[in-house]
Amino acid sequence: MKKKILIVEDNPDLLNLLQLLHKNPYDTIQAMNGKEAVESANAGMLVLILMDILIPEIDGIEAPRLIRKNPKTRSIPILAVTAVNNTKTKEACLKGGCNDYILKPFTPGGIH
């Protein structure tokens, strides 16, 4: 069975871009909001979660907190992927349970 990456993104264009990770050796699953993200994390064996911050229902700062509370999911690496570029948000992401923080938008030459 392939390793799985959960992509949490409410923008369909960015979701399609991030799903390029589905090429071997990873499968991707998707969630369009924080509630789905927590449910998906609890349901499957994941190797990584890419978490947008500005998502509906449960935001991308609270969802990692909930994922970290579950002993089965607390060690999954969570990477905040957001267009919000300020120190306060970055600190909130890291305190909330994200392992690191990268900025959108993405370009063919890398991440900016």
PDB file of N, CA and C in Angstrom:
ATOM      1  N   MET A   1       0.832  -1.179   0.000  1.00  0.00           N
ATOM      2  CA  MET A   1       0.000   0.000   0.000  1.00  0.00           C
ATOM      3  C   MET A   1       0.881   1.248   0.000  1.00  0.00           C
ATOM      4  N   LYS A   2       0.523   2.222  -0.856  1.00  0.00           N
ATOM      5  CA  LYS A   2       1.287   3.465  -0.939  1.00  0.00           C
ATOM      6  C   LYS A   2       1.080   4.308   0.312  1.00  0.00           C
ATOM      7  N   LYS A   3       2.091   5.101   0.629  1.00  0.00           N
ATOM      8  CA  LYS A   3       1.978   6.062   1.719  1.00  0.00           C
ATOM      9  C   LYS A   3       1.022   7.169   1.283  1.00  0.00           C
ATOM     10  N   LYS A   4       0.320   7.761   2.248  1.00  0.00           N
ATOM     11  CA  LYS A   4      -0.687   8.771   1.943  1.00  0.00           C
ATOM     12  C   LYS A   4      -0.294  10.139   2.480  1.00  0.00           C
ATOM     13  N   ILE A   5      -0.629  11.152   1.676  1.00  0.00           N
ATOM     14  CA  ILE A   5      -0.485  12.548   2.075  1.00  0.00           C
ATOM     15  C   ILE A   5      -1.882  13.159   2.044  1.00  0.00           C
ATOM     16  N   LEU A   6      -2.263  13.812   3.131  1.00  0.00           N
ATOM     17  CA  LEU A   6      -3.536  14.520   3.193  1.00  0.00           C
ATOM     18  C   LEU A   6      -3.299  15.961   2.773  1.00  0.00           C
ATOM     19  N   ILE A   7      -4.061  16.411   1.781  1.00  0.00           N
ATOM     20  CA  ILE A   7      -3.979  17.791   1.312  1.00  0.00           C
ATOM     21  C   ILE A   7      -5.254  18.502   1.739  1.00  0.00           C
ATOM     22  N   VAL A   8      -5.100  19.532   2.562  1.00  0.00           N
ATOM     23  CA  VAL A   8      -6.236  20.302   3.061  1.00  0.00           C
ATOM     24  C   VAL A   8      -6.179  21.660   2.388  1.00  0.00           C
ATOM     25  N   GLU A   9      -7.075  21.866   1.432  1.00  0.00           N
ATOM     26  CA  GLU A   9      -7.042  23.091   0.616  1.00  0.00           C
ATOM     27  C   GLU A   9      -8.439  23.333   0.072  1.00  0.00           C
ATOM     28  N   ASP A  10      -8.954  24.564   0.242  1.00  0.00           N
ATOM     29  CA  ASP A  10     -10.290  24.874  -0.264  1.00  0.00           C
ATOM     30  C   ASP A  10     -10.267  25.559  -1.629  1.00  0.00           C
ATOM     31  N   ASN A  11      -9.102  25.857  -2.165  1.00  0.00           N
ATOM     32  CA  ASN A  11      -8.978  26.437  -3.496  1.00  0.00           C
ATOM     33  C   ASN A  11      -8.766  25.302  -4.500  1.00  0.00           C
ATOM     34  N   PRO A  12      -9.730  25.055  -5.395  1.00  0.00           N
ATOM     35  CA  PRO A  12      -9.623  23.922  -6.320  1.00  0.00           C
ATOM     36  C   PRO A  12      -8.368  23.937  -7.192  1.00  0.00           C
ATOM     37  N   ASP A  13      -7.917  25.116  -7.617  1.00  0.00           N
ATOM     38  CA  ASP A  13      -6.721  25.181  -8.459  1.00  0.00           C
ATOM     39  C   ASP A  13      -5.467  24.750  -7.690  1.00  0.00           C
ATOM     40  N   LEU A  14      -5.325  25.227  -6.480  1.00  0.00           N
ATOM     41  CA  LEU A  14      -4.174  24.829  -5.665  1.00  0.00           C
ATOM     42  C   LEU A  14      -4.271  23.366  -5.252  1.00  0.00           C
ATOM     43  N   LEU A  15      -5.486  22.907  -5.007  1.00  0.00           N
ATOM     44  CA  LEU A  15      -5.675  21.500  -4.671  1.00  0.00           C
ATOM     45  C   LEU A  15      -5.191  20.616  -5.819  1.00  0.00           C
ATOM     46  N   ASN A  16      -5.544  20.982  -7.039  1.00  0.00           N
ATOM     47  CA  ASN A  16      -5.087  20.215  -8.204  1.00  0.00           C
ATOM     48  C   ASN A  16      -3.562  20.245  -8.329  1.00  0.00           C
ATOM     49  N   LEU A  17      -2.969  21.386  -8.077  1.00  0.00           N
ATOM     50  CA  LEU A  17      -1.509  21.489  -8.141  1.00  0.00           C
ATOM     51  C   LEU A  17      -0.850  20.593  -7.093  1.00  0.00           C
ATOM     52  N   LEU A  18      -1.332  20.656  -5.871  1.00  0.00           N
ATOM     53  CA  LEU A  18      -0.743  19.857  -4.803  1.00  0.00           C
ATOM     54  C   LEU A  18      -0.972  18.366  -5.005  1.00  0.00           C
ATOM     55  N   GLN A  19      -2.009  18.002  -5.724  1.00  0.00           N
ATOM     56  CA  GLN A  19      -2.276  16.587  -5.955  1.00  0.00           C
ATOM     57  C   GLN A  19      -1.270  15.956  -6.916  1.00  0.00           C
ATOM     58  N   LEU A  20      -0.396  16.764  -7.480  1.00  0.00           N
ATOM     59  CA  LEU A  20       0.682  16.191  -8.290  1.00  0.00           C
ATOM     60  C   LEU A  20       1.573  15.286  -7.459  1.00  0.00           C
ATOM     61  N   LEU A  21       1.478  15.397  -6.151  1.00  0.00           N
ATOM     62  CA  LEU A  21       2.250  14.533  -5.254  1.00  0.00           C
ATOM     63  C   LEU A  21       1.788  13.085  -5.314  1.00  0.00           C
ATOM     64  N   HIS A  22       0.667  12.821  -5.961  1.00  0.00           N
ATOM     65  CA  HIS A  22       0.130  11.460  -5.979  1.00  0.00           C
ATOM     66  C   HIS A  22       1.000  10.492  -6.772  1.00  0.00           C
ATOM     67  N   LYS A  23       1.939  11.018  -7.523  1.00  0.00           N
ATOM     68  CA  LYS A  23       2.841  10.126  -8.250  1.00  0.00           C
ATOM     69  C   LYS A  23       3.640   9.307  -7.244  1.00  0.00           C
ATOM     70  N   ASN A  24       4.058   8.143  -7.660  1.00  0.00           N
ATOM     71  CA  ASN A  24       4.783   7.244  -6.746  1.00  0.00           C
ATOM     72  C   ASN A  24       5.794   8.023  -5.935  1.00  0.00           C
ATOM     73  N   PRO A  25       6.005   7.702  -4.694  1.00  0.00           N
ATOM     74  CA  PRO A  25       5.431   6.606  -3.922  1.00  0.00           C
ATOM     75  C   PRO A  25       4.232   7.012  -3.066  1.00  0.00           C
ATOM     76  N   TYR A  26       3.550   8.121  -3.385  1.00  0.00           N
ATOM     77  CA  TYR A  26       2.482   8.611  -2.524  1.00  0.00           C
ATOM     78  C   TYR A  26       1.119   8.581  -3.197  1.00  0.00           C
ATOM     79  N   ASP A  27       0.103   8.314  -2.404  1.00  0.00           N
ATOM     80  CA  ASP A  27      -1.277   8.570  -2.772  1.00  0.00           C
ATOM     81  C   ASP A  27      -1.669   9.847  -2.047  1.00  0.00           C
ATOM     82  N   THR A  28      -2.583  10.601  -2.619  1.00  0.00           N
ATOM     83  CA  THR A  28      -3.078  11.785  -1.922  1.00  0.00           C
ATOM     84  C   THR A  28      -4.557  11.616  -1.639  1.00  0.00           C
ATOM     85  N   ILE A  29      -4.972  12.158  -0.525  1.00  0.00           N
ATOM     86  CA  ILE A  29      -6.384  12.295  -0.217  1.00  0.00           C
ATOM     87  C   ILE A  29      -6.610  13.772   0.055  1.00  0.00           C
ATOM     88  N   GLN A  30      -7.846  14.216  -0.066  1.00  0.00           N
ATOM     89  CA  GLN A  30      -8.099  15.640   0.063  1.00  0.00           C
ATOM     90  C   GLN A  30      -9.179  15.930   1.086  1.00  0.00           C
ATOM     91  N   ALA A  31      -9.086  17.113   1.647  1.00  0.00           N
ATOM     92  CA  ALA A  31     -10.110  17.652   2.527  1.00  0.00           C
ATOM     93  C   ALA A  31     -10.283  19.121   2.152  1.00  0.00           C
ATOM     94  N   MET A  32     -11.522  19.570   2.127  1.00  0.00           N
ATOM     95  CA  MET A  32     -11.815  20.953   1.738  1.00  0.00           C
ATOM     96  C   MET A  32     -12.021  21.874   2.937  1.00  0.00           C
ATOM     97  N   ASN A  33     -12.012  21.304   4.153  1.00  0.00           N
ATOM     98  CA  ASN A  33     -12.178  22.118   5.346  1.00  0.00           C
ATOM     99  C   ASN A  33     -11.514  21.414   6.533  1.00  0.00           C
ATOM    100  N   GLY A  34     -11.438  22.105   7.658  1.00  0.00           N
ATOM    101  CA  GLY A  34     -10.761  21.566   8.822  1.00  0.00           C
ATOM    102  C   GLY A  34     -11.444  20.364   9.442  1.00  0.00           C
ATOM    103  N   LYS A  35     -12.763  20.336   9.399  1.00  0.00           N
ATOM    104  CA  LYS A  35     -13.497  19.193   9.947  1.00  0.00           C
ATOM    105  C   LYS A  35     -13.145  17.929   9.171  1.00  0.00           C
ATOM    106  N   GLU A  36     -13.166  18.015   7.850  1.00  0.00           N
ATOM    107  CA  GLU A  36     -12.787  16.870   7.011  1.00  0.00           C
ATOM    108  C   GLU A  36     -11.329  16.479   7.261  1.00  0.00           C
ATOM    109  N   ALA A  37     -10.476  17.453   7.502  1.00  0.00           N
ATOM    110  CA  ALA A  37      -9.058  17.168   7.746  1.00  0.00           C
ATOM    111  C   ALA A  37      -8.879  16.320   8.997  1.00  0.00           C
ATOM    112  N   VAL A  38      -9.552  16.705  10.068  1.00  0.00           N
ATOM    113  CA  VAL A  38      -9.446  15.940  11.317  1.00  0.00           C
ATOM    114  C   VAL A  38     -10.000  14.529  11.125  1.00  0.00           C
ATOM    115  N   GLU A  39     -11.141  14.427  10.456  1.00  0.00           N
ATOM    116  CA  GLU A  39     -11.740  13.108  10.206  1.00  0.00           C
ATOM    117  C   GLU A  39     -10.816  12.244   9.347  1.00  0.00           C
ATOM    118  N   SER A  40     -10.230  12.817   8.307  1.00  0.00           N
ATOM    119  CA  SER A  40      -9.334  12.065   7.421  1.00  0.00           C
ATOM    120  C   SER A  40      -8.062  11.632   8.149  1.00  0.00           C
ATOM    121  N   ALA A  41      -7.546  12.497   9.005  1.00  0.00           N
ATOM    122  CA  ALA A  41      -6.347  12.147   9.776  1.00  0.00           C
ATOM    123  C   ALA A  41      -6.639  10.959  10.684  1.00  0.00           C
ATOM    124  N   ASN A  42      -7.814  10.952  11.287  1.00  0.00           N
ATOM    125  CA  ASN A  42      -8.192   9.868  12.193  1.00  0.00           C
ATOM    126  C   ASN A  42      -8.472   8.564  11.455  1.00  0.00           C
ATOM    127  N   ALA A  43      -8.819   8.656  10.174  1.00  0.00           N
ATOM    128  CA  ALA A  43      -9.242   7.476   9.425  1.00  0.00           C
ATOM    129  C   ALA A  43      -8.122   6.698   8.751  1.00  0.00           C
ATOM    130  N   GLY A  44      -7.006   7.354   8.472  1.00  0.00           N
ATOM    131  CA  GLY A  44      -6.007   6.661   7.658  1.00  0.00           C
ATOM    132  C   GLY A  44      -4.582   6.855   8.129  1.00  0.00           C
ATOM    133  N   MET A  45      -3.733   6.005   7.626  1.00  0.00           N
ATOM    134  CA  MET A  45      -2.307   6.081   7.940  1.00  0.00           C
ATOM    135  C   MET A  45      -1.650   7.108   7.018  1.00  0.00           C
ATOM    136  N   LEU A  46      -1.317   8.255   7.570  1.00  0.00           N
ATOM    137  CA  LEU A  46      -0.756   9.352   6.789  1.00  0.00           C
ATOM    138  C   LEU A  46       0.714   9.554   7.118  1.00  0.00           C
ATOM    139  N   VAL A  47       1.488   9.980   6.113  1.00  0.00           N
ATOM    140  CA  VAL A  47       2.892  10.314   6.339  1.00  0.00           C
ATOM    141  C   VAL A  47       3.108  11.830   6.383  1.00  0.00           C
ATOM    142  N   LEU A  48       2.102  12.601   5.943  1.00  0.00           N
ATOM    143  CA  LEU A  48       2.226  14.054   5.905  1.00  0.00           C
ATOM    144  C   LEU A  48       0.854  14.671   5.726  1.00  0.00           C
ATOM    145  N   ILE A  49       0.667  15.854   6.337  1.00  0.00           N
ATOM    146  CA  ILE A  49      -0.530  16.662   6.108  1.00  0.00           C
ATOM    147  C   ILE A  49      -0.073  18.036   5.637  1.00  0.00           C
ATOM    148  N   LEU A  50      -0.579  18.466   4.481  1.00  0.00           N
ATOM    149  CA  LEU A  50      -0.360  19.825   3.984  1.00  0.00           C
ATOM    150  C   LEU A  50      -1.625  20.605   4.325  1.00  0.00           C
ATOM    151  N   MET A  51      -1.519  21.577   5.219  1.00  0.00           N
ATOM    152  CA  MET A  51      -2.684  22.225   5.812  1.00  0.00           C
ATOM    153  C   MET A  51      -2.771  23.696   5.442  1.00  0.00           C
ATOM    154  N   ASP A  52      -3.770  24.042   4.643  1.00  0.00           N
ATOM    155  CA  ASP A  52      -4.066  25.447   4.400  1.00  0.00           C
ATOM    156  C   ASP A  52      -4.561  26.040   5.720  1.00  0.00           C
ATOM    157  N   ILE A  53      -4.360  27.313   5.923  1.00  0.00           N
ATOM    158  CA  ILE A  53      -4.748  27.947   7.180  1.00  0.00           C
ATOM    159  C   ILE A  53      -6.140  28.554   7.106  1.00  0.00           C
ATOM    160  N   LEU A  54      -6.451  29.205   6.002  1.00  0.00           N
ATOM    161  CA  LEU A  54      -7.743  29.876   5.862  1.00  0.00           C
ATOM    162  C   LEU A  54      -8.733  28.933   5.173  1.00  0.00           C
ATOM    163  N   ILE A  55      -9.293  28.026   5.961  1.00  0.00           N
ATOM    164  CA  ILE A  55     -10.247  27.036   5.465  1.00  0.00           C
ATOM    165  C   ILE A  55     -11.519  27.096   6.310  1.00  0.00           C
ATOM    166  N   PRO A  56     -12.640  26.649   5.750  1.00  0.00           N
ATOM    167  CA  PRO A  56     -13.909  26.721   6.483  1.00  0.00           C
ATOM    168  C   PRO A  56     -14.040  25.666   7.590  1.00  0.00           C
ATOM    169  N   GLU A  57     -15.071  25.856   8.375  1.00  0.00           N
ATOM    170  CA  GLU A  57     -15.526  24.992   9.470  1.00  0.00           C
ATOM    171  C   GLU A  57     -14.573  25.003  10.658  1.00  0.00           C
ATOM    172  N   ILE A  58     -13.428  24.384  10.554  1.00  0.00           N
ATOM    173  CA  ILE A  58     -12.378  24.469  11.575  1.00  0.00           C
ATOM    174  C   ILE A  58     -11.156  24.999  10.842  1.00  0.00           C
ATOM    175  N   ASP A  59     -10.584  26.116  11.302  1.00  0.00           N
ATOM    176  CA  ASP A  59      -9.475  26.701  10.539  1.00  0.00           C
ATOM    177  C   ASP A  59      -8.202  25.852  10.656  1.00  0.00           C
ATOM    178  N   GLY A  60      -7.224  26.209   9.853  1.00  0.00           N
ATOM    179  CA  GLY A  60      -5.989  25.451   9.769  1.00  0.00           C
ATOM    180  C   GLY A  60      -5.035  25.666  10.923  1.00  0.00           C
ATOM    181  N   ILE A  61      -5.434  26.434  11.907  1.00  0.00           N
ATOM    182  CA  ILE A  61      -4.659  26.549  13.142  1.00  0.00           C
ATOM    183  C   ILE A  61      -5.273  25.639  14.206  1.00  0.00           C
ATOM    184  N   GLU A  62      -6.593  25.580  14.263  1.00  0.00           N
ATOM    185  CA  GLU A  62      -7.272  24.725  15.236  1.00  0.00           C
ATOM    186  C   GLU A  62      -7.237  23.250  14.831  1.00  0.00           C
ATOM    187  N   ALA A  63      -7.363  22.951  13.546  1.00  0.00           N
ATOM    188  CA  ALA A  63      -7.368  21.546  13.101  1.00  0.00           C
ATOM    189  C   ALA A  63      -6.097  20.795  13.529  1.00  0.00           C
ATOM    190  N   PRO A  64      -4.902  21.367  13.374  1.00  0.00           N
ATOM    191  CA  PRO A  64      -3.715  20.661  13.869  1.00  0.00           C
ATOM    192  C   PRO A  64      -3.745  20.405  15.376  1.00  0.00           C
ATOM    193  N   ARG A  65      -4.316  21.347  16.138  1.00  0.00           N
ATOM    194  CA  ARG A  65      -4.441  21.129  17.587  1.00  0.00           C
ATOM    195  C   ARG A  65      -5.262  19.878  17.867  1.00  0.00           C
ATOM    196  N   LEU A  66      -6.363  19.737  17.143  1.00  0.00           N
ATOM    197  CA  LEU A  66      -7.225  18.568  17.329  1.00  0.00           C
ATOM    198  C   LEU A  66      -6.526  17.285  16.884  1.00  0.00           C
ATOM    199  N   ILE A  67      -5.785  17.364  15.800  1.00  0.00           N
ATOM    200  CA  ILE A  67      -5.046  16.195  15.304  1.00  0.00           C
ATOM    201  C   ILE A  67      -3.978  15.791  16.322  1.00  0.00           C
ATOM    202  N   ARG A  68      -3.328  16.738  16.942  1.00  0.00           N
ATOM    203  CA  ARG A  68      -2.275  16.453  17.931  1.00  0.00           C
ATOM    204  C   ARG A  68      -2.833  15.845  19.224  1.00  0.00           C
ATOM    205  N   LYS A  69      -4.114  16.058  19.510  1.00  0.00           N
ATOM    206  CA  LYS A  69      -4.721  15.502  20.728  1.00  0.00           C
ATOM    207  C   LYS A  69      -4.926  13.993  20.647  1.00  0.00           C
ATOM    208  N   ASN A  70      -5.016  13.454  19.436  1.00  0.00           N
ATOM    209  CA  ASN A  70      -5.253  12.027  19.252  1.00  0.00           C
ATOM    210  C   ASN A  70      -3.919  11.284  19.241  1.00  0.00           C
ATOM    211  N   PRO A  71      -3.726  10.307  20.145  1.00  0.00           N
ATOM    212  CA  PRO A  71      -2.454   9.574  20.173  1.00  0.00           C
ATOM    213  C   PRO A  71      -2.116   8.879  18.844  1.00  0.00           C
ATOM    214  N   LYS A  72      -3.133   8.493  18.074  1.00  0.00           N
ATOM    215  CA  LYS A  72      -2.896   7.820  16.790  1.00  0.00           C
ATOM    216  C   LYS A  72      -2.389   8.776  15.711  1.00  0.00           C
ATOM    217  N   THR A  73      -2.654  10.064  15.866  1.00  0.00           N
ATOM    218  CA  THR A  73      -2.311  11.014  14.806  1.00  0.00           C
ATOM    219  C   THR A  73      -1.319  12.087  15.247  1.00  0.00           C
ATOM    220  N   ARG A  74      -0.953  12.106  16.504  1.00  0.00           N
ATOM    221  CA  ARG A  74      -0.144  13.230  17.001  1.00  0.00           C
ATOM    222  C   ARG A  74       1.245  13.332  16.397  1.00  0.00           C
ATOM    223  N   SER A  75       1.770  12.248  15.844  1.00  0.00           N
ATOM    224  CA  SER A  75       3.134  12.320  15.304  1.00  0.00           C
ATOM    225  C   SER A  75       3.189  12.554  13.789  1.00  0.00           C
ATOM    226  N   ILE A  76       2.032  12.706  13.153  1.00  0.00           N
ATOM    227  CA  ILE A  76       2.027  12.985  11.707  1.00  0.00           C
ATOM    228  C   ILE A  76       2.591  14.393  11.478  1.00  0.00           C
ATOM    229  N   PRO A  77       3.601  14.536  10.625  1.00  0.00           N
ATOM    230  CA  PRO A  77       4.092  15.885  10.314  1.00  0.00           C
ATOM    231  C   PRO A  77       3.004  16.712   9.622  1.00  0.00           C
ATOM    232  N   ILE A  78       2.848  17.948  10.069  1.00  0.00           N
ATOM    233  CA  ILE A  78       1.855  18.864   9.489  1.00  0.00           C
ATOM    234  C   ILE A  78       2.601  20.102   9.008  1.00  0.00           C
ATOM    235  N   LEU A  79       2.422  20.408   7.744  1.00  0.00           N
ATOM    236  CA  LEU A  79       3.059  21.560   7.128  1.00  0.00           C
ATOM    237  C   LEU A  79       1.979  22.586   6.790  1.00  0.00           C
ATOM    238  N   ALA A  80       2.053  23.762   7.415  1.00  0.00           N
ATOM    239  CA  ALA A  80       1.129  24.846   7.091  1.00  0.00           C
ATOM    240  C   ALA A  80       1.496  25.385   5.717  1.00  0.00           C
ATOM    241  N   VAL A  81       0.502  25.505   4.849  1.00  0.00           N
ATOM    242  CA  VAL A  81       0.705  26.016   3.492  1.00  0.00           C
ATOM    243  C   VAL A  81      -0.283  27.165   3.322  1.00  0.00           C
ATOM    244  N   THR A  82       0.235  28.408   3.310  1.00  0.00           N
ATOM    245  CA  THR A  82      -0.670  29.545   3.351  1.00  0.00           C
ATOM    246  C   THR A  82      -0.098  30.763   2.626  1.00  0.00           C
ATOM    247  N   ALA A  83      -0.985  31.662   2.253  1.00  0.00           N
ATOM    248  CA  ALA A  83      -0.577  32.935   1.654  1.00  0.00           C
ATOM    249  C   ALA A  83      -0.424  34.013   2.723  1.00  0.00           C
ATOM    250  N   VAL A  84      -0.806  33.716   3.952  1.00  0.00           N
ATOM    251  CA  VAL A  84      -0.698  34.689   5.046  1.00  0.00           C
ATOM    252  C   VAL A  84       0.748  34.737   5.516  1.00  0.00           C
ATOM    253  N   ASN A  85       1.387  35.877   5.284  1.00  0.00           N
ATOM    254  CA  ASN A  85       2.812  36.012   5.572  1.00  0.00           C
ATOM    255  C   ASN A  85       3.046  37.049   6.667  1.00  0.00           C
ATOM    256  N   ASN A  86       2.850  36.619   7.905  1.00  0.00           N
ATOM    257  CA  ASN A  86       3.193  37.498   9.017  1.00  0.00           C
ATOM    258  C   ASN A  86       3.634  36.655  10.211  1.00  0.00           C
ATOM    259  N   THR A  87       4.386  37.267  11.089  1.00  0.00           N
ATOM    260  CA  THR A  87       4.976  36.560  12.225  1.00  0.00           C
ATOM    261  C   THR A  87       3.914  35.996  13.154  1.00  0.00           C
ATOM    262  N   LYS A  88       2.857  36.749  13.402  1.00  0.00           N
ATOM    263  CA  LYS A  88       1.793  36.308  14.309  1.00  0.00           C
ATOM    264  C   LYS A  88       1.148  35.008  13.809  1.00  0.00           C
ATOM    265  N   THR A  89       0.837  34.937  12.527  1.00  0.00           N
ATOM    266  CA  THR A  89       0.220  33.733  11.967  1.00  0.00           C
ATOM    267  C   THR A  89       1.194  32.565  11.983  1.00  0.00           C
ATOM    268  N   LYS A  90       2.436  32.829  11.627  1.00  0.00           N
ATOM    269  CA  LYS A  90       3.437  31.758  11.648  1.00  0.00           C
ATOM    270  C   LYS A  90       3.578  31.184  13.051  1.00  0.00           C
ATOM    271  N   GLU A  91       3.672  32.042  14.048  1.00  0.00           N
ATOM    272  CA  GLU A  91       3.781  31.578  15.434  1.00  0.00           C
ATOM    273  C   GLU A  91       2.541  30.793  15.853  1.00  0.00           C
ATOM    274  N   ALA A  92       1.361  31.255  15.454  1.00  0.00           N
ATOM    275  CA  ALA A  92       0.117  30.548  15.790  1.00  0.00           C
ATOM    276  C   ALA A  92       0.093  29.162  15.154  1.00  0.00           C
ATOM    277  N   CYS A  93       0.565  29.061  13.923  1.00  0.00           N
ATOM    278  CA  CYS A  93       0.622  27.763  13.242  1.00  0.00           C
ATOM    279  C   CYS A  93       1.546  26.800  13.987  1.00  0.00           C
ATOM    280  N   LEU A  94       2.704  27.274  14.355  1.00  0.00           N
ATOM    281  CA  LEU A  94       3.674  26.423  15.037  1.00  0.00           C
ATOM    282  C   LEU A  94       3.195  26.042  16.438  1.00  0.00           C
ATOM    283  N   LYS A  95       2.592  26.982  17.155  1.00  0.00           N
ATOM    284  CA  LYS A  95       2.033  26.676  18.479  1.00  0.00           C
ATOM    285  C   LYS A  95       0.849  25.722  18.367  1.00  0.00           C
ATOM    286  N   GLY A  96       0.094  25.826  17.278  1.00  0.00           N
ATOM    287  CA  GLY A  96      -1.087  24.990  17.079  1.00  0.00           C
ATOM    288  C   GLY A  96      -0.773  23.560  16.706  1.00  0.00           C
ATOM    289  N   GLY A  97       0.479  23.279  16.376  1.00  0.00           N
ATOM    290  CA  GLY A  97       0.836  21.899  16.076  1.00  0.00           C
ATOM    291  C   GLY A  97       1.475  21.670  14.725  1.00  0.00           C
ATOM    292  N   CYS A  98       1.594  22.702  13.915  1.00  0.00           N
ATOM    293  CA  CYS A  98       2.273  22.531  12.632  1.00  0.00           C
ATOM    294  C   CYS A  98       3.782  22.424  12.864  1.00  0.00           C
ATOM    295  N   ASN A  99       4.417  21.580  12.075  1.00  0.00           N
ATOM    296  CA  ASN A  99       5.864  21.404  12.194  1.00  0.00           C
ATOM    297  C   ASN A  99       6.636  22.506  11.485  1.00  0.00           C
ATOM    298  N   ASP A 100       6.042  23.047  10.433  1.00  0.00           N
ATOM    299  CA  ASP A 100       6.703  24.109   9.689  1.00  0.00           C
ATOM    300  C   ASP A 100       5.656  24.864   8.896  1.00  0.00           C
ATOM    301  N   TYR A 101       6.110  25.853   8.137  1.00  0.00           N
ATOM    302  CA  TYR A 101       5.239  26.840   7.503  1.00  0.00           C
ATOM    303  C   TYR A 101       5.846  27.209   6.153  1.00  0.00           C
ATOM    304  N   ILE A 102       5.106  27.037   5.068  1.00  0.00           N
ATOM    305  CA  ILE A 102       5.580  27.513   3.763  1.00  0.00           C
ATOM    306  C   ILE A 102       4.512  28.407   3.142  1.00  0.00           C
ATOM    307  N   LEU A 103       4.981  29.307   2.295  1.00  0.00           N
ATOM    308  CA  LEU A 103       4.097  30.314   1.711  1.00  0.00           C
ATOM    309  C   LEU A 103       3.645  29.959   0.303  1.00  0.00           C
ATOM    310  N   LYS A 104       2.412  30.322  -0.001  1.00  0.00           N
ATOM    311  CA  LYS A 104       1.902  30.317  -1.359  1.00  0.00           C
ATOM    312  C   LYS A 104       2.150  31.727  -1.889  1.00  0.00           C
ATOM    313  N   PRO A 105       2.181  31.965  -3.143  1.00  0.00           N
ATOM    314  CA  PRO A 105       1.932  31.022  -4.231  1.00  0.00           C
ATOM    315  C   PRO A 105       3.178  30.210  -4.575  1.00  0.00           C
ATOM    316  N   PHE A 106       2.942  29.159  -5.307  1.00  0.00           N
ATOM    317  CA  PHE A 106       4.008  28.314  -5.797  1.00  0.00           C
ATOM    318  C   PHE A 106       4.331  28.726  -7.217  1.00  0.00           C
ATOM    319  N   THR A 107       5.574  28.551  -7.603  1.00  0.00           N
ATOM    320  CA  THR A 107       5.970  28.803  -8.973  1.00  0.00           C
ATOM    321  C   THR A 107       6.711  27.582  -9.491  1.00  0.00           C
ATOM    322  N   PRO A 108       6.841  27.422 -10.804  1.00  0.00           N
ATOM    323  CA  PRO A 108       7.565  26.258 -11.318  1.00  0.00           C
ATOM    324  C   PRO A 108       8.999  26.167 -10.798  1.00  0.00           C
ATOM    325  N   GLY A 109       9.607  27.298 -10.433  1.00  0.00           N
ATOM    326  CA  GLY A 109      10.971  27.290  -9.958  1.00  0.00           C
ATOM    327  C   GLY A 109      11.114  27.065  -8.470  1.00  0.00           C
ATOM    328  N   GLY A 110      10.017  26.926  -7.759  1.00  0.00           N
ATOM    329  CA  GLY A 110      10.093  26.707  -6.326  1.00  0.00           C
ATOM    330  C   GLY A 110       8.948  27.353  -5.594  1.00  0.00           C
ATOM    331  N   ILE A 111       9.097  27.475  -4.308  1.00  0.00           N
ATOM    332  CA  ILE A 111       8.072  28.041  -3.448  1.00  0.00           C
ATOM    333  C   ILE A 111       8.502  29.452  -3.068  1.00  0.00           C
ATOM    334  N   HIS A 112       7.575  30.408  -3.169  1.00  0.00           N
ATOM    335  CA  HIS A 112       7.877  31.806  -2.815  1.00  0.00           C
ATOM    336  C   HIS A 112       6.930  32.272  -1.750  1.00  0.00           C
TER     337      HIS A 112
END
